[in-house]
Amino acid sequence: MALIHADPATPIDVRPFGEHLGERSTQALFKSAQLQVVRVVLKAGERLAPHSVAGEITVQCIEGCIELSADERSVRLDAGHMAWLAARCVHGVTALSDASALVTIALHG
């Protein structure tokens, strides 16, 4: 993942990739002392294996459709939908179609 060293208040384009989605890959957009934002790109059928992070997270589907599994349940997130998870919640993601999502992680130092 490439890390963009965006300064505070610098616009970062998170619009849907549209027809270029298949050419894109997951990218860390920025990381500060207390916050990290990653644009996750998955092709249909790809998975992020179950894992957890120390801080709370949000997952916002930008385009396509993903399945978010957490706490022994799964929810479908279509474009424009988001969910949040508590710290240390074991979760996984499966792309139901080619998709991209914005993941925000609260970091605790």
PDB file of N, CA and C in Angstrom:
ATOM      1  N   MET A   1       0.830  -1.179   0.000  1.00  0.00           N
ATOM      2  CA  MET A   1       0.000   0.000   0.000  1.00  0.00           C
ATOM      3  C   MET A   1       0.876   1.245   0.000  1.00  0.00           C
ATOM      4  N   ALA A   2       0.606   2.131  -0.913  1.00  0.00           N
ATOM      5  CA  ALA A   2       1.328   3.398  -0.949  1.00  0.00           C
ATOM      6  C   ALA A   2       0.704   4.353   0.056  1.00  0.00           C
ATOM      7  N   LEU A   3       1.539   5.128   0.710  1.00  0.00           N
ATOM      8  CA  LEU A   3       1.054   6.079   1.698  1.00  0.00           C
ATOM      9  C   LEU A   3       1.159   7.482   1.133  1.00  0.00           C
ATOM     10  N   ILE A   4       0.032   8.163   1.076  1.00  0.00           N
ATOM     11  CA  ILE A   4       0.000   9.551   0.630  1.00  0.00           C
ATOM     12  C   ILE A   4       0.268  10.420   1.852  1.00  0.00           C
ATOM     13  N   HIS A   5       1.201  11.309   1.742  1.00  0.00           N
ATOM     14  CA  HIS A   5       1.502  12.196   2.858  1.00  0.00           C
ATOM     15  C   HIS A   5       0.707  13.482   2.682  1.00  0.00           C
ATOM     16  N   ALA A   6      -0.594  13.361   2.795  1.00  0.00           N
ATOM     17  CA  ALA A   6      -1.476  14.513   2.629  1.00  0.00           C
ATOM     18  C   ALA A   6      -1.401  15.393   3.869  1.00  0.00           C
ATOM     19  N   ASP A   7      -1.301  16.672   3.643  1.00  0.00           N
ATOM     20  CA  ASP A   7      -1.337  17.625   4.741  1.00  0.00           C
ATOM     21  C   ASP A   7      -2.774  17.768   5.226  1.00  0.00           C
ATOM     22  N   PRO A   8      -2.967  18.159   6.496  1.00  0.00           N
ATOM     23  CA  PRO A   8      -4.324  18.401   6.976  1.00  0.00           C
ATOM     24  C   PRO A   8      -5.052  19.390   6.060  1.00  0.00           C
ATOM     25  N   ALA A   9      -6.327  19.156   5.865  1.00  0.00           N
ATOM     26  CA  ALA A   9      -7.218  19.996   5.052  1.00  0.00           C
ATOM     27  C   ALA A   9      -6.916  19.916   3.560  1.00  0.00           C
ATOM     28  N   THR A  10      -6.125  18.935   3.136  1.00  0.00           N
ATOM     29  CA  THR A  10      -5.864  18.716   1.714  1.00  0.00           C
ATOM     30  C   THR A  10      -6.924  17.767   1.163  1.00  0.00           C
ATOM     31  N   PRO A  11      -7.644  18.139   0.108  1.00  0.00           N
ATOM     32  CA  PRO A  11      -8.665  17.246  -0.452  1.00  0.00           C
ATOM     33  C   PRO A  11      -8.050  15.943  -0.981  1.00  0.00           C
ATOM     34  N   ILE A  12      -8.718  14.839  -0.700  1.00  0.00           N
ATOM     35  CA  ILE A  12      -8.340  13.527  -1.229  1.00  0.00           C
ATOM     36  C   ILE A  12      -9.555  12.997  -1.979  1.00  0.00           C
ATOM     37  N   ASP A  13      -9.373  12.636  -3.226  1.00  0.00           N
ATOM     38  CA  ASP A  13     -10.476  12.174  -4.072  1.00  0.00           C
ATOM     39  C   ASP A  13     -10.871  10.746  -3.698  1.00  0.00           C
ATOM     40  N   VAL A  14     -12.090  10.561  -3.218  1.00  0.00           N
ATOM     41  CA  VAL A  14     -12.587   9.227  -2.875  1.00  0.00           C
ATOM     42  C   VAL A  14     -13.841   8.880  -3.683  1.00  0.00           C
ATOM     43  N   ARG A  15     -14.012   9.570  -4.819  1.00  0.00           N
ATOM     44  CA  ARG A  15     -15.150   9.248  -5.680  1.00  0.00           C
ATOM     45  C   ARG A  15     -14.994   7.837  -6.230  1.00  0.00           C
ATOM     46  N   PRO A  16     -16.104   7.218  -6.661  1.00  0.00           N
ATOM     47  CA  PRO A  16     -16.013   5.885  -7.270  1.00  0.00           C
ATOM     48  C   PRO A  16     -15.045   5.884  -8.451  1.00  0.00           C
ATOM     49  N   PHE A  17     -14.319   4.768  -8.603  1.00  0.00           N
ATOM     50  CA  PHE A  17     -13.412   4.612  -9.736  1.00  0.00           C
ATOM     51  C   PHE A  17     -14.168   4.302 -11.018  1.00  0.00           C
ATOM     52  N   GLY A  18     -15.396   3.805 -10.894  1.00  0.00           N
ATOM     53  CA  GLY A  18     -16.212   3.498 -12.065  1.00  0.00           C
ATOM     54  C   GLY A  18     -15.561   2.458 -12.954  1.00  0.00           C
ATOM     55  N   GLU A  19     -15.476   2.750 -14.238  1.00  0.00           N
ATOM     56  CA  GLU A  19     -14.943   1.787 -15.205  1.00  0.00           C
ATOM     57  C   GLU A  19     -13.462   1.485 -14.975  1.00  0.00           C
ATOM     58  N   HIS A  20     -12.785   2.265 -14.150  1.00  0.00           N
ATOM     59  CA  HIS A  20     -11.361   2.048 -13.871  1.00  0.00           C
ATOM     60  C   HIS A  20     -11.129   1.229 -12.596  1.00  0.00           C
ATOM     61  N   LEU A  21     -12.205   0.773 -11.961  1.00  0.00           N
ATOM     62  CA  LEU A  21     -12.088   0.032 -10.705  1.00  0.00           C
ATOM     63  C   LEU A  21     -11.148  -1.169 -10.835  1.00  0.00           C
ATOM     64  N   GLY A  22     -11.251  -1.913 -11.933  1.00  0.00           N
ATOM     65  CA  GLY A  22     -10.420  -3.098 -12.130  1.00  0.00           C
ATOM     66  C   GLY A  22      -8.935  -2.805 -12.243  1.00  0.00           C
ATOM     67  N   GLU A  23      -8.582  -1.555 -12.496  1.00  0.00           N
ATOM     68  CA  GLU A  23      -7.175  -1.152 -12.634  1.00  0.00           C
ATOM     69  C   GLU A  23      -6.588  -0.655 -11.317  1.00  0.00           C
ATOM     70  N   ARG A  24      -7.399  -0.542 -10.298  1.00  0.00           N
ATOM     71  CA  ARG A  24      -6.973   0.068  -9.032  1.00  0.00           C
ATOM     72  C   ARG A  24      -6.641  -0.994  -7.990  1.00  0.00           C
ATOM     73  N   SER A  25      -5.930  -0.568  -6.960  1.00  0.00           N
ATOM     74  CA  SER A  25      -5.586  -1.470  -5.863  1.00  0.00           C
ATOM     75  C   SER A  25      -5.764  -0.733  -4.540  1.00  0.00           C
ATOM     76  N   THR A  26      -5.738  -1.495  -3.464  1.00  0.00           N
ATOM     77  CA  THR A  26      -5.882  -0.925  -2.130  1.00  0.00           C
ATOM     78  C   THR A  26      -4.763   0.076  -1.867  1.00  0.00           C
ATOM     79  N   GLN A  27      -5.131   1.186  -1.209  1.00  0.00           N
ATOM     80  CA  GLN A  27      -4.155   2.243  -0.961  1.00  0.00           C
ATOM     81  C   GLN A  27      -4.440   2.923   0.372  1.00  0.00           C
ATOM     82  N   ALA A  28      -3.401   3.071   1.191  1.00  0.00           N
ATOM     83  CA  ALA A  28      -3.519   3.872   2.408  1.00  0.00           C
ATOM     84  C   ALA A  28      -3.576   5.333   1.981  1.00  0.00           C
ATOM     85  N   LEU A  29      -4.599   6.047   2.397  1.00  0.00           N
ATOM     86  CA  LEU A  29      -4.739   7.447   1.999  1.00  0.00           C
ATOM     87  C   LEU A  29      -3.961   8.379   2.913  1.00  0.00           C
ATOM     88  N   PHE A  30      -4.014   8.113   4.228  1.00  0.00           N
ATOM     89  CA  PHE A  30      -3.165   8.849   5.160  1.00  0.00           C
ATOM     90  C   PHE A  30      -3.182   8.162   6.513  1.00  0.00           C
ATOM     91  N   LYS A  31      -2.194   8.506   7.297  1.00  0.00           N
ATOM     92  CA  LYS A  31      -2.119   8.003   8.667  1.00  0.00           C
ATOM     93  C   LYS A  31      -1.556   9.113   9.535  1.00  0.00           C
ATOM     94  N   SER A  32      -2.267   9.400  10.622  1.00  0.00           N
ATOM     95  CA  SER A  32      -1.794  10.378  11.593  1.00  0.00           C
ATOM     96  C   SER A  32      -1.598   9.639  12.920  1.00  0.00           C
ATOM     97  N   ALA A  33      -1.330  10.367  13.957  1.00  0.00           N
ATOM     98  CA  ALA A  33      -1.113   9.740  15.260  1.00  0.00           C
ATOM     99  C   ALA A  33      -2.356   9.012  15.772  1.00  0.00           C
ATOM    100  N   GLN A  34      -3.551   9.477  15.380  1.00  0.00           N
ATOM    101  CA  GLN A  34      -4.762   8.889  15.933  1.00  0.00           C
ATOM    102  C   GLN A  34      -5.756   8.382  14.906  1.00  0.00           C
ATOM    103  N   LEU A  35      -5.424   8.474  13.619  1.00  0.00           N
ATOM    104  CA  LEU A  35      -6.387   8.106  12.585  1.00  0.00           C
ATOM    105  C   LEU A  35      -5.676   7.568  11.350  1.00  0.00           C
ATOM    106  N   GLN A  36      -6.242   6.510  10.777  1.00  0.00           N
ATOM    107  CA  GLN A  36      -5.740   5.980   9.508  1.00  0.00           C
ATOM    108  C   GLN A  36      -6.933   5.764   8.590  1.00  0.00           C
ATOM    109  N   VAL A  37      -6.779   6.131   7.315  1.00  0.00           N
ATOM    110  CA  VAL A  37      -7.831   5.930   6.327  1.00  0.00           C
ATOM    111  C   VAL A  37      -7.245   5.151   5.152  1.00  0.00           C
ATOM    112  N   VAL A  38      -7.926   4.066   4.782  1.00  0.00           N
ATOM    113  CA  VAL A  38      -7.481   3.180   3.714  1.00  0.00           C
ATOM    114  C   VAL A  38      -8.613   3.009   2.715  1.00  0.00           C
ATOM    115  N   ARG A  39      -8.288   3.073   1.435  1.00  0.00           N
ATOM    116  CA  ARG A  39      -9.257   2.745   0.385  1.00  0.00           C
ATOM    117  C   ARG A  39      -8.984   1.305  -0.016  1.00  0.00           C
ATOM    118  N   VAL A  40      -9.909   0.423   0.341  1.00  0.00           N
ATOM    119  CA  VAL A  40      -9.776  -1.004   0.054  1.00  0.00           C
ATOM    120  C   VAL A  40     -10.453  -1.295  -1.275  1.00  0.00           C
ATOM    121  N   VAL A  41      -9.743  -1.973  -2.170  1.00  0.00           N
ATOM    122  CA  VAL A  41     -10.279  -2.360  -3.475  1.00  0.00           C
ATOM    123  C   VAL A  41     -10.232  -3.881  -3.568  1.00  0.00           C
ATOM    124  N   LEU A  42     -11.389  -4.487  -3.851  1.00  0.00           N
ATOM    125  CA  LEU A  42     -11.486  -5.941  -3.967  1.00  0.00           C
ATOM    126  C   LEU A  42     -12.227  -6.310  -5.242  1.00  0.00           C
ATOM    127  N   LYS A  43     -11.757  -7.356  -5.881  1.00  0.00           N
ATOM    128  CA  LYS A  43     -12.476  -7.910  -7.031  1.00  0.00           C
ATOM    129  C   LYS A  43     -13.524  -8.887  -6.512  1.00  0.00           C
ATOM    130  N   ALA A  44     -14.577  -9.111  -7.286  1.00  0.00           N
ATOM    131  CA  ALA A  44     -15.653 -10.018  -6.882  1.00  0.00           C
ATOM    132  C   ALA A  44     -15.065 -11.337  -6.396  1.00  0.00           C
ATOM    133  N   GLY A  45     -15.500 -11.767  -5.217  1.00  0.00           N
ATOM    134  CA  GLY A  45     -15.051 -13.026  -4.648  1.00  0.00           C
ATOM    135  C   GLY A  45     -13.822 -12.921  -3.763  1.00  0.00           C
ATOM    136  N   GLU A  46     -13.078 -11.827  -3.847  1.00  0.00           N
ATOM    137  CA  GLU A  46     -11.901 -11.667  -2.991  1.00  0.00           C
ATOM    138  C   GLU A  46     -12.332 -11.417  -1.554  1.00  0.00           C
ATOM    139  N   ARG A  47     -11.462 -11.827  -0.619  1.00  0.00           N
ATOM    140  CA  ARG A  47     -11.775 -11.700   0.801  1.00  0.00           C
ATOM    141  C   ARG A  47     -10.631 -11.049   1.560  1.00  0.00           C
ATOM    142  N   LEU A  48     -10.981 -10.371   2.596  1.00  0.00           N
ATOM    143  CA  LEU A  48     -10.024  -9.988   3.629  1.00  0.00           C
ATOM    144  C   LEU A  48     -10.293 -10.949   4.776  1.00  0.00           C
ATOM    145  N   ALA A  49      -9.313 -11.761   5.115  1.00  0.00           N
ATOM    146  CA  ALA A  49      -9.481 -12.775   6.158  1.00  0.00           C
ATOM    147  C   ALA A  49      -9.851 -12.115   7.488  1.00  0.00           C
ATOM    148  N   PRO A  50     -10.557 -12.845   8.339  1.00  0.00           N
ATOM    149  CA  PRO A  50     -10.919 -12.285   9.644  1.00  0.00           C
ATOM    150  C   PRO A  50      -9.684 -11.768  10.390  1.00  0.00           C
ATOM    151  N   HIS A  51      -9.832 -10.586  10.960  1.00  0.00           N
ATOM    152  CA  HIS A  51      -8.760  -9.939  11.698  1.00  0.00           C
ATOM    153  C   HIS A  51      -9.388  -8.912  12.631  1.00  0.00           C
ATOM    154  N   SER A  52      -8.588  -8.283  13.460  1.00  0.00           N
ATOM    155  CA  SER A  52      -9.091  -7.215  14.323  1.00  0.00           C
ATOM    156  C   SER A  52      -8.044  -6.113  14.398  1.00  0.00           C
ATOM    157  N   VAL A  53      -8.480  -4.945  14.812  1.00  0.00           N
ATOM    158  CA  VAL A  53      -7.585  -3.813  15.036  1.00  0.00           C
ATOM    159  C   VAL A  53      -7.884  -3.250  16.419  1.00  0.00           C
ATOM    160  N   ALA A  54      -6.924  -2.531  16.983  1.00  0.00           N
ATOM    161  CA  ALA A  54      -7.061  -2.049  18.355  1.00  0.00           C
ATOM    162  C   ALA A  54      -8.151  -0.990  18.521  1.00  0.00           C
ATOM    163  N   GLY A  55      -8.406  -0.200  17.473  1.00  0.00           N
ATOM    164  CA  GLY A  55      -9.368   0.892  17.584  1.00  0.00           C
ATOM    165  C   GLY A  55     -10.682   0.615  16.884  1.00  0.00           C
ATOM    166  N   GLU A  56     -11.638   1.514  17.089  1.00  0.00           N
ATOM    167  CA  GLU A  56     -12.909   1.431  16.388  1.00  0.00           C
ATOM    168  C   GLU A  56     -12.670   1.679  14.903  1.00  0.00           C
ATOM    169  N   ILE A  57     -13.561   1.137  14.058  1.00  0.00           N
ATOM    170  CA  ILE A  57     -13.430   1.365  12.621  1.00  0.00           C
ATOM    171  C   ILE A  57     -14.787   1.670  12.005  1.00  0.00           C
ATOM    172  N   THR A  58     -14.738   2.347  10.868  1.00  0.00           N
ATOM    173  CA  THR A  58     -15.913   2.468  10.014  1.00  0.00           C
ATOM    174  C   THR A  58     -15.552   1.863   8.668  1.00  0.00           C
ATOM    175  N   VAL A  59     -16.551   1.267   8.028  1.00  0.00           N
ATOM    176  CA  VAL A  59     -16.395   0.718   6.683  1.00  0.00           C
ATOM    177  C   VAL A  59     -17.510   1.320   5.845  1.00  0.00           C
ATOM    178  N   GLN A  60     -17.144   2.105   4.842  1.00  0.00           N
ATOM    179  CA  GLN A  60     -18.119   2.753   3.964  1.00  0.00           C
ATOM    180  C   GLN A  60     -17.910   2.242   2.553  1.00  0.00           C
ATOM    181  N   CYS A  61     -18.915   1.557   2.008  1.00  0.00           N
ATOM    182  CA  CYS A  61     -18.828   1.048   0.643  1.00  0.00           C
ATOM    183  C   CYS A  61     -19.013   2.219  -0.322  1.00  0.00           C
ATOM    184  N   ILE A  62     -18.026   2.421  -1.179  1.00  0.00           N
ATOM    185  CA  ILE A  62     -18.081   3.512  -2.147  1.00  0.00           C
ATOM    186  C   ILE A  62     -18.733   3.058  -3.443  1.00  0.00           C
ATOM    187  N   GLU A  63     -18.383   1.837  -3.865  1.00  0.00           N
ATOM    188  CA  GLU A  63     -18.966   1.300  -5.102  1.00  0.00           C
ATOM    189  C   GLU A  63     -18.957  -0.214  -5.025  1.00  0.00           C
ATOM    190  N   GLY A  64     -19.875  -0.818  -5.756  1.00  0.00           N
ATOM    191  CA  GLY A  64     -20.002  -2.268  -5.723  1.00  0.00           C
ATOM    192  C   GLY A  64     -20.756  -2.711  -4.486  1.00  0.00           C
ATOM    193  N   CYS A  65     -20.445  -3.917  -4.025  1.00  0.00           N
ATOM    194  CA  CYS A  65     -21.148  -4.492  -2.887  1.00  0.00           C
ATOM    195  C   CYS A  65     -20.194  -5.399  -2.121  1.00  0.00           C
ATOM    196  N   ILE A  66     -20.175  -5.248  -0.796  1.00  0.00           N
ATOM    197  CA  ILE A  66     -19.340  -6.089   0.054  1.00  0.00           C
ATOM    198  C   ILE A  66     -20.182  -6.706   1.159  1.00  0.00           C
ATOM    199  N   GLU A  67     -19.673  -7.799   1.696  1.00  0.00           N
ATOM    200  CA  GLU A  67     -20.285  -8.416   2.870  1.00  0.00           C
ATOM    201  C   GLU A  67     -19.308  -8.261   4.019  1.00  0.00           C
ATOM    202  N   LEU A  68     -19.758  -7.640   5.094  1.00  0.00           N
ATOM    203  CA  LEU A  68     -18.954  -7.431   6.286  1.00  0.00           C
ATOM    204  C   LEU A  68     -19.400  -8.439   7.328  1.00  0.00           C
ATOM    205  N   SER A  69     -18.483  -9.286   7.767  1.00  0.00           N
ATOM    206  CA  SER A  69     -18.795 -10.297   8.780  1.00  0.00           C
ATOM    207  C   SER A  69     -18.148  -9.885  10.090  1.00  0.00           C
ATOM    208  N   ALA A  70     -18.944  -9.856  11.154  1.00  0.00           N
ATOM    209  CA  ALA A  70     -18.440  -9.481  12.474  1.00  0.00           C
ATOM    210  C   ALA A  70     -19.405  -9.992  13.533  1.00  0.00           C
ATOM    211  N   ASP A  71     -18.859 -10.340  14.674  1.00  0.00           N
ATOM    212  CA  ASP A  71     -19.701 -10.781  15.789  1.00  0.00           C
ATOM    213  C   ASP A  71     -20.687 -11.866  15.374  1.00  0.00           C
ATOM    214  N   GLU A  72     -20.200 -12.826  14.605  1.00  0.00           N
ATOM    215  CA  GLU A  72     -20.993 -13.977  14.175  1.00  0.00           C
ATOM    216  C   GLU A  72     -22.224 -13.601  13.350  1.00  0.00           C
ATOM    217  N   ARG A  73     -22.185 -12.456  12.696  1.00  0.00           N
ATOM    218  CA  ARG A  73     -23.246 -12.084  11.759  1.00  0.00           C
ATOM    219  C   ARG A  73     -22.619 -11.405  10.558  1.00  0.00           C
ATOM    220  N   SER A  74     -23.363 -11.361   9.484  1.00  0.00           N
ATOM    221  CA  SER A  74     -22.889 -10.727   8.256  1.00  0.00           C
ATOM    222  C   SER A  74     -23.908  -9.706   7.789  1.00  0.00           C
ATOM    223  N   VAL A  75     -23.401  -8.596   7.283  1.00  0.00           N
ATOM    224  CA  VAL A  75     -24.277  -7.568   6.719  1.00  0.00           C
ATOM    225  C   VAL A  75     -23.774  -7.213   5.333  1.00  0.00           C
ATOM    226  N   ARG A  76     -24.707  -6.906   4.466  1.00  0.00           N
ATOM    227  CA  ARG A  76     -24.388  -6.495   3.105  1.00  0.00           C
ATOM    228  C   ARG A  76     -24.301  -4.974   3.082  1.00  0.00           C
ATOM    229  N   LEU A  77     -23.211  -4.474   2.514  1.00  0.00           N
ATOM    230  CA  LEU A  77     -23.056  -3.035   2.338  1.00  0.00           C
ATOM    231  C   LEU A  77     -22.997  -2.736   0.848  1.00  0.00           C
ATOM    232  N   ASP A  78     -24.021  -2.077   0.356  1.00  0.00           N
ATOM    233  CA  ASP A  78     -24.038  -1.614  -1.030  1.00  0.00           C
ATOM    234  C   ASP A  78     -23.416  -0.222  -1.070  1.00  0.00           C
ATOM    235  N   ALA A  79     -23.149   0.276  -2.263  1.00  0.00           N
ATOM    236  CA  ALA A  79     -22.582   1.614  -2.421  1.00  0.00           C
ATOM    237  C   ALA A  79     -23.417   2.628  -1.642  1.00  0.00           C
ATOM    238  N   GLY A  80     -22.740   3.452  -0.863  1.00  0.00           N
ATOM    239  CA  GLY A  80     -23.422   4.466  -0.072  1.00  0.00           C
ATOM    240  C   GLY A  80     -23.779   4.026   1.335  1.00  0.00           C
ATOM    241  N   HIS A  81     -23.574   2.754   1.662  1.00  0.00           N
ATOM    242  CA  HIS A  81     -23.868   2.258   3.008  1.00  0.00           C
ATOM    243  C   HIS A  81     -22.586   2.133   3.816  1.00  0.00           C
ATOM    244  N   MET A  82     -22.726   2.300   5.129  1.00  0.00           N
ATOM    245  CA  MET A  82     -21.562   2.140   5.995  1.00  0.00           C
ATOM    246  C   MET A  82     -21.956   1.461   7.293  1.00  0.00           C
ATOM    247  N   ALA A  83     -20.950   0.933   7.982  1.00  0.00           N
ATOM    248  CA  ALA A  83     -21.146   0.316   9.289  1.00  0.00           C
ATOM    249  C   ALA A  83     -19.923   0.649  10.139  1.00  0.00           C
ATOM    250  N   TRP A  84     -20.081   0.546  11.441  1.00  0.00           N
ATOM    251  CA  TRP A  84     -18.937   0.749  12.327  1.00  0.00           C
ATOM    252  C   TRP A  84     -18.785  -0.469  13.210  1.00  0.00           C
ATOM    253  N   LEU A  85     -17.565  -0.687  13.665  1.00  0.00           N
ATOM    254  CA  LEU A  85     -17.261  -1.828  14.521  1.00  0.00           C
ATOM    255  C   LEU A  85     -16.490  -1.355  15.743  1.00  0.00           C
ATOM    256  N   ALA A  86     -16.736  -2.014  16.851  1.00  0.00           N
ATOM    257  CA  ALA A  86     -16.036  -1.698  18.088  1.00  0.00           C
ATOM    258  C   ALA A  86     -14.575  -2.136  18.006  1.00  0.00           C
ATOM    259  N   ALA A  87     -13.770  -1.568  18.857  1.00  0.00           N
ATOM    260  CA  ALA A  87     -12.358  -1.943  18.931  1.00  0.00           C
ATOM    261  C   ALA A  87     -12.220  -3.436  19.189  1.00  0.00           C
ATOM    262  N   ARG A  88     -11.223  -4.040  18.571  1.00  0.00           N
ATOM    263  CA  ARG A  88     -10.863  -5.448  18.732  1.00  0.00           C
ATOM    264  C   ARG A  88     -11.928  -6.427  18.242  1.00  0.00           C
ATOM    265  N   CYS A  89     -12.915  -5.948  17.525  1.00  0.00           N
ATOM    266  CA  CYS A  89     -13.948  -6.821  16.955  1.00  0.00           C
ATOM    267  C   CYS A  89     -13.334  -7.599  15.785  1.00  0.00           C
ATOM    268  N   VAL A  90     -13.404  -8.916  15.841  1.00  0.00           N
ATOM    269  CA  VAL A  90     -12.897  -9.732  14.739  1.00  0.00           C
ATOM    270  C   VAL A  90     -13.875  -9.603  13.576  1.00  0.00           C
ATOM    271  N   HIS A  91     -13.348  -9.239  12.412  1.00  0.00           N
ATOM    272  CA  HIS A  91     -14.201  -9.001  11.248  1.00  0.00           C
ATOM    273  C   HIS A  91     -13.481  -9.420   9.974  1.00  0.00           C
ATOM    274  N   GLY A  92     -14.261  -9.675   8.943  1.00  0.00           N
ATOM    275  CA  GLY A  92     -13.737 -10.005   7.625  1.00  0.00           C
ATOM    276  C   GLY A  92     -14.616  -9.362   6.572  1.00  0.00           C
ATOM    277  N   VAL A  93     -14.114  -9.292   5.359  1.00  0.00           N
ATOM    278  CA  VAL A  93     -14.853  -8.670   4.261  1.00  0.00           C
ATOM    279  C   VAL A  93     -14.770  -9.575   3.042  1.00  0.00           C
ATOM    280  N   THR A  94     -15.904  -9.728   2.351  1.00  0.00           N
ATOM    281  CA  THR A  94     -15.954 -10.451   1.084  1.00  0.00           C
ATOM    282  C   THR A  94     -16.591  -9.540   0.047  1.00  0.00           C
ATOM    283  N   ALA A  95     -15.965  -9.439  -1.122  1.00  0.00           N
ATOM    284  CA  ALA A  95     -16.536  -8.634  -2.207  1.00  0.00           C
ATOM    285  C   ALA A  95     -17.582  -9.465  -2.938  1.00  0.00           C
ATOM    286  N   LEU A  96     -18.819  -9.004  -2.940  1.00  0.00           N
ATOM    287  CA  LEU A  96     -19.896  -9.680  -3.665  1.00  0.00           C
ATOM    288  C   LEU A  96     -19.879  -9.276  -5.135  1.00  0.00           C
ATOM    289  N   SER A  97     -19.233  -8.158  -5.427  1.00  0.00           N
ATOM    290  CA  SER A  97     -18.963  -7.695  -6.792  1.00  0.00           C
ATOM    291  C   SER A  97     -17.663  -6.905  -6.707  1.00  0.00           C
ATOM    292  N   ASP A  98     -17.112  -6.487  -7.831  1.00  0.00           N
ATOM    293  CA  ASP A  98     -15.957  -5.597  -7.763  1.00  0.00           C
ATOM    294  C   ASP A  98     -16.371  -4.403  -6.907  1.00  0.00           C
ATOM    295  N   ALA A  99     -15.528  -4.024  -5.952  1.00  0.00           N
ATOM    296  CA  ALA A  99     -15.950  -3.009  -4.989  1.00  0.00           C
ATOM    297  C   ALA A  99     -14.764  -2.221  -4.453  1.00  0.00           C
ATOM    298  N   SER A 100     -15.075  -1.024  -3.960  1.00  0.00           N
ATOM    299  CA  SER A 100     -14.099  -0.273  -3.171  1.00  0.00           C
ATOM    300  C   SER A 100     -14.822   0.285  -1.950  1.00  0.00           C
ATOM    301  N   ALA A 101     -14.069   0.385  -0.868  1.00  0.00           N
ATOM    302  CA  ALA A 101     -14.632   0.852   0.395  1.00  0.00           C
ATOM    303  C   ALA A 101     -13.611   1.729   1.100  1.00  0.00           C
ATOM    304  N   LEU A 102     -14.111   2.669   1.858  1.00  0.00           N
ATOM    305  CA  LEU A 102     -13.276   3.550   2.652  1.00  0.00           C
ATOM    306  C   LEU A 102     -13.297   3.030   4.088  1.00  0.00           C
ATOM    307  N   VAL A 103     -12.129   2.683   4.603  1.00  0.00           N
ATOM    308  CA  VAL A 103     -12.013   2.157   5.960  1.00  0.00           C
ATOM    309  C   VAL A 103     -11.274   3.184   6.809  1.00  0.00           C
ATOM    310  N   THR A 104     -11.904   3.593   7.896  1.00  0.00           N
ATOM    311  CA  THR A 104     -11.308   4.544   8.823  1.00  0.00           C
ATOM    312  C   THR A 104     -11.036   3.818  10.133  1.00  0.00           C
ATOM    313  N   ILE A 105      -9.807   3.930  10.622  1.00  0.00           N
ATOM    314  CA  ILE A 105      -9.398   3.236  11.838  1.00  0.00           C
ATOM    315  C   ILE A 105      -8.950   4.267  12.864  1.00  0.00           C
ATOM    316  N   ALA A 106      -9.567   4.215  14.046  1.00  0.00           N
ATOM    317  CA  ALA A 106      -9.124   5.061  15.150  1.00  0.00           C
ATOM    318  C   ALA A 106      -7.929   4.371  15.803  1.00  0.00           C
ATOM    319  N   LEU A 107      -6.810   5.060  15.859  1.00  0.00           N
ATOM    320  CA  LEU A 107      -5.591   4.490  16.431  1.00  0.00           C
ATOM    321  C   LEU A 107      -5.461   4.941  17.880  1.00  0.00           C
ATOM    322  N   HIS A 108      -5.087   4.025  18.713  1.00  0.00           N
ATOM    323  CA  HIS A 108      -4.899   4.347  20.130  1.00  0.00           C
ATOM    324  C   HIS A 108      -3.436   4.138  20.466  1.00  0.00           C
ATOM    325  N   GLY A 109      -2.763   5.182  20.877  1.00  0.00           N
ATOM    326  CA  GLY A 109      -1.332   5.104  21.117  1.00  0.00           C
ATOM    327  C   GLY A 109      -0.956   5.014  22.508  1.00  0.00           C
TER     328      GLY A 109
END
